[in-house]
Amino acid sequence: MEGGEPVGKGQVNLSYHWMNQTGDKLLEDGIRTALSENVYPNQSTESNMIIKLPQKSGHYLLRLSLVQEGVSWFYLAGGGYLDIPVKVLK
């Protein structure tokens, strides 16, 4: 994996939470994806990530955010996030 393994205190990774439609968290910490390169302010990068779906069918909200391991999720520290509505069919 380019960019190293998604572990270690201070490492910045891409991850997610699963939430219900009212915004309650159903899964706190999703699978971590290491960034393929360093990303500086006002830059962007693309990354493929693995996302594990909820076990039950239904309507969910997938919240994507960066997380600095052992420190904080970026959105909790004033950074951005992306919420995506998802319908899971089983």
N, C-alpha and C. Protein backbone atom coordinates (compact mmCIF):
# COMPACT_ATOMS: atom_id res chain seq x y z
N MET A 1 0.84 -1.18 0.00
CA MET A 1 0.00 0.00 0.00
C MET A 1 0.88 1.24 0.00
N GLU A 2 0.68 2.11 -0.96
CA GLU A 2 1.42 3.35 -0.99
C GLU A 2 0.98 4.23 0.17
N GLY A 3 1.89 4.99 0.71
CA GLY A 3 1.55 5.89 1.80
C GLY A 3 1.61 5.24 3.17
N GLY A 4 1.94 3.97 3.23
CA GLY A 4 2.12 3.30 4.51
C GLY A 4 0.85 2.66 5.04
N GLU A 5 1.01 1.95 6.13
CA GLU A 5 -0.12 1.28 6.78
C GLU A 5 -0.94 2.29 7.57
N PRO A 6 -2.26 2.07 7.68
CA PRO A 6 -3.13 3.02 8.39
C PRO A 6 -3.11 2.81 9.90
N VAL A 7 -1.94 2.79 10.50
CA VAL A 7 -1.82 2.60 11.94
C VAL A 7 -0.80 3.58 12.51
N GLY A 8 -0.77 3.68 13.81
CA GLY A 8 0.24 4.50 14.48
C GLY A 8 -0.30 5.85 14.90
N LYS A 9 0.02 6.23 16.13
CA LYS A 9 -0.42 7.51 16.66
C LYS A 9 0.10 8.64 15.78
N GLY A 10 -0.78 9.55 15.46
CA GLY A 10 -0.43 10.69 14.62
C GLY A 10 -0.67 10.47 13.14
N GLN A 11 -0.79 9.22 12.72
CA GLN A 11 -1.07 8.90 11.31
C GLN A 11 -2.43 9.47 10.92
N VAL A 12 -2.52 10.10 9.75
CA VAL A 12 -3.79 10.62 9.26
C VAL A 12 -4.36 9.63 8.25
N ASN A 13 -5.59 9.19 8.48
CA ASN A 13 -6.27 8.23 7.63
C ASN A 13 -7.64 8.74 7.23
N LEU A 14 -8.19 8.12 6.20
CA LEU A 14 -9.57 8.34 5.80
C LEU A 14 -10.40 7.23 6.42
N SER A 15 -11.54 7.57 7.02
CA SER A 15 -12.40 6.55 7.62
C SER A 15 -13.85 7.05 7.59
N TYR A 16 -14.71 6.36 8.32
CA TYR A 16 -16.13 6.66 8.23
C TYR A 16 -16.88 6.24 9.49
N HIS A 17 -18.08 6.78 9.62
CA HIS A 17 -19.08 6.35 10.60
C HIS A 17 -20.34 6.00 9.81
N TRP A 18 -21.11 5.04 10.30
CA TRP A 18 -22.47 4.80 9.80
C TRP A 18 -23.43 5.42 10.79
N MET A 19 -24.41 6.16 10.27
CA MET A 19 -25.38 6.84 11.11
C MET A 19 -26.78 6.54 10.60
N ASN A 20 -27.78 6.64 11.50
CA ASN A 20 -29.15 6.50 11.03
C ASN A 20 -29.60 7.85 10.48
N GLN A 21 -30.81 7.92 9.99
CA GLN A 21 -31.28 9.14 9.32
C GLN A 21 -31.44 10.33 10.26
N THR A 22 -31.49 10.08 11.56
CA THR A 22 -31.59 11.19 12.50
C THR A 22 -30.22 11.65 13.00
N GLY A 23 -29.14 11.00 12.52
CA GLY A 23 -27.79 11.42 12.87
C GLY A 23 -27.17 10.69 14.04
N ASP A 24 -27.86 9.66 14.58
CA ASP A 24 -27.28 8.87 15.66
C ASP A 24 -26.25 7.90 15.09
N LYS A 25 -25.08 7.81 15.71
CA LYS A 25 -24.03 6.91 15.23
C LYS A 25 -24.39 5.46 15.50
N LEU A 26 -24.27 4.62 14.47
CA LEU A 26 -24.50 3.19 14.59
C LEU A 26 -23.18 2.44 14.60
N LEU A 27 -22.19 2.96 13.89
CA LEU A 27 -20.83 2.41 13.89
C LEU A 27 -19.89 3.58 14.07
N GLU A 28 -19.14 3.57 15.15
CA GLU A 28 -18.28 4.70 15.51
C GLU A 28 -17.04 4.80 14.63
N ASP A 29 -16.34 3.71 14.43
CA ASP A 29 -15.07 3.75 13.71
C ASP A 29 -15.06 2.73 12.59
N GLY A 30 -15.01 3.21 11.34
CA GLY A 30 -14.95 2.30 10.21
C GLY A 30 -13.52 1.89 9.90
N ILE A 31 -13.39 1.09 8.84
CA ILE A 31 -12.09 0.63 8.37
C ILE A 31 -11.25 1.84 7.98
N ARG A 32 -9.99 1.83 8.35
CA ARG A 32 -9.08 2.93 8.03
C ARG A 32 -8.45 2.72 6.65
N THR A 33 -8.28 3.82 5.93
CA THR A 33 -7.60 3.82 4.64
C THR A 33 -6.47 4.83 4.71
N ALA A 34 -5.24 4.35 4.51
CA ALA A 34 -4.09 5.25 4.51
C ALA A 34 -4.12 6.11 3.25
N LEU A 35 -3.71 7.35 3.37
CA LEU A 35 -3.62 8.22 2.20
C LEU A 35 -2.42 7.78 1.37
N SER A 36 -2.54 7.89 0.05
CA SER A 36 -1.48 7.43 -0.84
C SER A 36 -0.31 8.40 -0.93
N GLU A 37 -0.52 9.62 -0.41
CA GLU A 37 0.53 10.64 -0.46
C GLU A 37 0.23 11.70 0.60
N ASN A 38 1.22 12.53 0.90
CA ASN A 38 0.98 13.66 1.80
C ASN A 38 0.07 14.67 1.10
N VAL A 39 -0.86 15.23 1.85
CA VAL A 39 -1.79 16.22 1.31
C VAL A 39 -1.66 17.48 2.16
N TYR A 40 -1.36 18.58 1.51
CA TYR A 40 -1.14 19.85 2.19
C TYR A 40 -2.36 20.74 2.03
N PRO A 41 -2.47 21.82 2.82
CA PRO A 41 -3.62 22.71 2.70
C PRO A 41 -3.85 23.14 1.25
N ASN A 42 -5.12 23.18 0.86
CA ASN A 42 -5.57 23.56 -0.48
C ASN A 42 -5.16 22.57 -1.57
N GLN A 43 -4.73 21.38 -1.20
CA GLN A 43 -4.46 20.32 -2.16
C GLN A 43 -5.52 19.24 -2.03
N SER A 44 -5.57 18.36 -2.99
CA SER A 44 -6.49 17.23 -2.93
C SER A 44 -5.80 15.98 -3.45
N THR A 45 -6.42 14.85 -3.17
CA THR A 45 -5.92 13.57 -3.67
C THR A 45 -7.11 12.64 -3.85
N GLU A 46 -6.92 11.55 -4.54
CA GLU A 46 -7.96 10.54 -4.70
C GLU A 46 -7.50 9.28 -4.01
N SER A 47 -8.47 8.54 -3.48
CA SER A 47 -8.14 7.31 -2.78
C SER A 47 -9.30 6.33 -2.88
N ASN A 48 -9.00 5.07 -3.06
CA ASN A 48 -10.00 4.01 -2.98
C ASN A 48 -10.06 3.55 -1.54
N MET A 49 -11.26 3.26 -1.06
CA MET A 49 -11.37 2.78 0.31
C MET A 49 -12.34 1.61 0.38
N ILE A 50 -12.16 0.78 1.39
CA ILE A 50 -13.07 -0.34 1.65
C ILE A 50 -14.05 0.10 2.72
N ILE A 51 -15.34 -0.10 2.44
CA ILE A 51 -16.38 0.29 3.39
C ILE A 51 -17.22 -0.94 3.68
N LYS A 52 -17.34 -1.30 4.95
CA LYS A 52 -18.16 -2.43 5.37
C LYS A 52 -19.59 -1.93 5.59
N LEU A 53 -20.55 -2.58 4.90
CA LEU A 53 -21.94 -2.17 4.99
C LEU A 53 -22.59 -2.60 6.31
N PRO A 54 -23.61 -1.86 6.74
CA PRO A 54 -24.39 -2.31 7.90
C PRO A 54 -25.01 -3.68 7.63
N GLN A 55 -25.30 -4.44 8.69
CA GLN A 55 -25.84 -5.79 8.57
C GLN A 55 -27.30 -5.82 8.12
N LYS A 56 -28.06 -4.79 8.45
CA LYS A 56 -29.50 -4.78 8.16
C LYS A 56 -29.81 -3.85 6.99
N SER A 57 -30.85 -4.21 6.25
CA SER A 57 -31.36 -3.33 5.19
C SER A 57 -31.88 -2.04 5.82
N GLY A 58 -31.84 -0.97 5.06
CA GLY A 58 -32.39 0.28 5.55
C GLY A 58 -31.73 1.49 4.93
N HIS A 59 -32.15 2.65 5.39
CA HIS A 59 -31.60 3.92 4.94
C HIS A 59 -30.60 4.40 5.98
N TYR A 60 -29.41 4.76 5.53
CA TYR A 60 -28.32 5.16 6.41
C TYR A 60 -27.66 6.42 5.88
N LEU A 61 -26.81 6.98 6.72
CA LEU A 61 -25.96 8.10 6.34
C LEU A 61 -24.52 7.65 6.56
N LEU A 62 -23.72 7.73 5.51
CA LEU A 62 -22.30 7.39 5.58
C LEU A 62 -21.53 8.70 5.74
N ARG A 63 -20.84 8.87 6.86
CA ARG A 63 -20.04 10.07 7.11
C ARG A 63 -18.58 9.75 6.89
N LEU A 64 -17.96 10.40 5.89
CA LEU A 64 -16.54 10.25 5.59
C LEU A 64 -15.77 11.42 6.20
N SER A 65 -14.64 11.10 6.81
CA SER A 65 -13.81 12.15 7.41
C SER A 65 -12.38 11.64 7.55
N LEU A 66 -11.47 12.57 7.64
CA LEU A 66 -10.10 12.21 8.01
C LEU A 66 -10.04 12.06 9.52
N VAL A 67 -9.13 11.22 9.98
CA VAL A 67 -8.91 11.03 11.41
C VAL A 67 -7.41 10.99 11.67
N GLN A 68 -6.97 11.74 12.67
CA GLN A 68 -5.58 11.64 13.10
C GLN A 68 -5.56 10.70 14.29
N GLU A 69 -4.96 9.53 14.10
CA GLU A 69 -5.01 8.47 15.10
C GLU A 69 -4.46 8.93 16.44
N GLY A 70 -5.22 8.62 17.48
CA GLY A 70 -4.82 8.99 18.83
C GLY A 70 -5.02 10.46 19.15
N VAL A 71 -5.59 11.22 18.21
CA VAL A 71 -5.78 12.66 18.42
C VAL A 71 -7.26 13.01 18.27
N SER A 72 -7.79 13.02 17.04
CA SER A 72 -9.18 13.42 16.83
C SER A 72 -9.61 13.16 15.39
N TRP A 73 -10.91 13.02 15.22
CA TRP A 73 -11.50 13.08 13.89
C TRP A 73 -11.46 14.54 13.45
N PHE A 74 -11.15 14.79 12.18
CA PHE A 74 -11.04 16.16 11.70
C PHE A 74 -12.34 16.93 11.88
N TYR A 75 -13.50 16.31 11.61
CA TYR A 75 -14.76 17.04 11.72
C TYR A 75 -15.08 17.45 13.16
N LEU A 76 -14.58 16.71 14.14
CA LEU A 76 -14.80 17.09 15.55
C LEU A 76 -13.90 18.24 15.97
N ALA A 77 -12.85 18.49 15.19
CA ALA A 77 -11.92 19.57 15.50
C ALA A 77 -12.11 20.76 14.56
N GLY A 78 -13.30 20.84 13.92
CA GLY A 78 -13.61 21.97 13.06
C GLY A 78 -13.33 21.75 11.59
N GLY A 79 -12.87 20.56 11.22
CA GLY A 79 -12.61 20.26 9.82
C GLY A 79 -13.87 19.78 9.11
N GLY A 80 -13.71 19.42 7.87
CA GLY A 80 -14.86 19.02 7.07
C GLY A 80 -15.14 17.53 7.09
N TYR A 81 -16.29 17.18 6.53
CA TYR A 81 -16.70 15.80 6.36
C TYR A 81 -17.65 15.74 5.19
N LEU A 82 -17.95 14.54 4.74
CA LEU A 82 -18.89 14.33 3.65
C LEU A 82 -19.92 13.32 4.10
N ASP A 83 -21.20 13.70 4.09
CA ASP A 83 -22.30 12.78 4.42
C ASP A 83 -22.95 12.31 3.12
N ILE A 84 -23.09 10.99 2.98
CA ILE A 84 -23.68 10.40 1.79
C ILE A 84 -24.86 9.53 2.20
N PRO A 85 -26.08 9.84 1.70
CA PRO A 85 -27.21 8.96 2.00
C PRO A 85 -27.03 7.63 1.25
N VAL A 86 -27.28 6.51 1.96
CA VAL A 86 -27.09 5.18 1.38
C VAL A 86 -28.30 4.32 1.72
N LYS A 87 -28.80 3.59 0.75
CA LYS A 87 -29.86 2.60 0.97
C LYS A 87 -29.21 1.21 0.85
N VAL A 88 -29.27 0.44 1.94
CA VAL A 88 -28.69 -0.91 1.97
C VAL A 88 -29.78 -1.92 1.74
N LEU A 89 -29.58 -2.80 0.77
CA LEU A 89 -30.51 -3.88 0.46
C LEU A 89 -29.82 -5.20 0.76
N LYS A 90 -30.47 -6.08 1.50
CA LYS A 90 -29.89 -7.39 1.80
C LYS A 90 -30.77 -8.48 1.25
